Amino acid sequence: MKVKLYSKGLLLVLMGLSLSFSEVFAQNQTVSGKVTGADDGLEIPGVSVVVKGTTNGVSTDIEGNYSLSVNNANTVLVFSFVGYESQEVKSRKPICYQCILSF
C-alpha cells in the first residue's frame, strides 16, 4: 500500500518537474513582422524595434522586415522612427506582426 502511494506521488512530482522545465526552456521566441507607413502603405527601412525596458532591439531591413528574439510572448515592442509617432505593441501569439506607423 505504501509502495503504491509512494510511486504515484513520485510520478506526479516527476510530471510536474518535466512541465516546469519545458516552460523554462520554451520562453525564448522569435517575433518577426513588417513595418509600413499609414499614409502610403510602403515599407519603412531603419525603424527601431526594441523590447520595452531593455536594450534588446533591431532595425528593420530595406523591405521593412524585422526579426527579434524575446524572452516570452507577452513582451511590449516599441517601434520608433524619425518623423513618425512611436508605437508600443504588446506581442501575443501568433508572433508575426505588421506595425503601421503614422506621422
Protein backbone atom coordinates (compact mmCIF):
# COMPACT_ATOMS: atom_id res chain seq x y z
CA MET A 1 0.00 0.00 0.00
CA LYS A 2 2.76 2.44 0.92
CA VAL A 3 4.73 1.49 -2.17
CA LYS A 4 1.80 2.32 -4.44
CA LEU A 5 1.23 5.72 -2.79
CA TYR A 6 4.95 6.47 -2.95
CA SER A 7 5.21 5.55 -6.62
CA LYS A 8 2.11 7.63 -7.52
CA GLY A 9 3.50 10.60 -5.61
CA LEU A 10 6.87 10.23 -7.29
CA LEU A 11 5.20 10.01 -10.68
CA LEU A 12 3.25 13.22 -10.01
CA VAL A 13 6.39 15.04 -8.89
CA LEU A 14 8.31 13.93 -11.99
CA MET A 15 5.46 15.01 -14.27
CA GLY A 16 5.32 18.41 -12.56
CA LEU A 17 9.07 18.89 -12.92
CA SER A 18 9.04 17.96 -16.59
CA LEU A 19 6.29 20.50 -17.25
CA SER A 20 8.21 23.16 -15.32
CA PHE A 21 11.40 22.55 -17.27
CA SER A 22 9.58 22.68 -20.59
CA GLU A 23 8.15 26.10 -19.66
CA VAL A 24 11.58 27.42 -18.67
CA PHE A 25 13.28 26.31 -21.87
CA ALA A 26 10.41 27.33 -24.17
CA GLN A 27 10.40 31.00 -23.19
CA ASN A 28 12.69 32.36 -25.92
CA GLN A 29 10.70 33.08 -29.05
CA THR A 30 11.28 34.96 -32.28
CA VAL A 31 8.97 37.85 -33.07
CA SER A 32 9.01 38.96 -36.69
CA GLY A 33 6.99 41.18 -38.96
CA LYS A 34 6.93 44.16 -41.30
CA VAL A 35 6.67 47.91 -40.65
CA THR A 36 4.77 50.08 -43.12
CA GLY A 37 3.65 53.71 -43.26
CA ALA A 38 -0.01 54.52 -42.54
CA ASP A 39 -0.13 57.21 -45.23
CA ASP A 40 1.13 55.24 -48.24
CA GLY A 41 1.48 51.62 -47.07
CA LEU A 42 5.12 51.50 -48.16
CA GLU A 43 7.73 49.59 -46.18
CA ILE A 44 9.90 51.69 -43.86
CA PRO A 45 13.57 50.66 -43.59
CA GLY A 46 15.59 51.57 -40.49
CA VAL A 47 12.75 51.54 -37.95
CA SER A 48 13.97 50.78 -34.44
CA VAL A 49 12.18 47.80 -32.86
CA VAL A 50 13.09 47.41 -29.16
CA VAL A 51 11.76 45.31 -26.29
CA LYS A 52 10.46 47.92 -23.84
CA GLY A 53 12.70 48.45 -20.82
CA THR A 54 15.68 46.64 -22.36
CA THR A 55 18.45 47.24 -24.86
CA ASN A 56 17.32 44.22 -26.89
CA GLY A 57 16.39 45.54 -30.31
CA VAL A 58 16.90 45.55 -34.07
CA SER A 59 16.34 47.81 -37.07
CA THR A 60 14.10 46.91 -39.98
CA ASP A 61 15.78 45.92 -43.24
CA ILE A 62 15.36 47.60 -46.63
CA GLU A 63 11.92 45.97 -47.05
CA GLY A 64 10.69 46.92 -43.56
CA ASN A 65 11.10 43.41 -42.14
CA TYR A 66 12.36 42.68 -38.63
CA SER A 67 13.09 39.59 -36.54
CA LEU A 68 13.77 39.80 -32.81
CA SER A 69 14.36 37.19 -30.11
CA VAL A 70 12.25 37.82 -26.98
CA ASN A 71 12.06 36.09 -23.59
CA ASN A 72 8.34 35.40 -23.76
CA ALA A 73 5.29 36.11 -25.86
CA ASN A 74 3.93 38.82 -23.54
CA THR A 75 6.59 41.46 -24.08
CA VAL A 76 5.98 45.01 -25.28
CA LEU A 77 7.71 46.08 -28.50
CA VAL A 78 8.45 49.76 -29.14
CA PHE A 79 8.57 50.87 -32.79
CA SER A 80 10.19 54.26 -33.44
CA PHE A 81 11.45 56.23 -36.42
CA VAL A 82 12.33 59.88 -37.01
CA GLY A 83 9.27 61.84 -38.14
CA TYR A 84 6.77 59.18 -37.04
CA GLU A 85 4.88 58.61 -33.80
CA SER A 86 6.35 55.80 -31.70
CA GLN A 87 4.09 52.84 -31.10
CA GLU A 88 4.06 50.26 -28.34
CA VAL A 89 2.64 46.88 -29.24
CA LYS A 90 2.15 44.02 -26.81
CA SER A 91 3.31 40.88 -28.57
CA ARG A 92 0.99 37.88 -28.43
CA LYS A 93 0.59 34.68 -30.38
CA PRO A 94 0.82 34.38 -33.32
CA ILE A 95 4.20 36.04 -33.19
CA CYS A 96 4.35 37.73 -36.59
CA TYR A 97 3.21 41.35 -36.67
CA GLN A 98 2.71 44.16 -39.10
CA CYS A 99 3.17 47.54 -37.46
CA ILE A 100 1.83 50.64 -39.18
CA LEU A 101 3.49 53.94 -38.24
CA SER A 102 1.86 57.32 -38.82
CA PHE A 103 3.11 60.92 -38.74
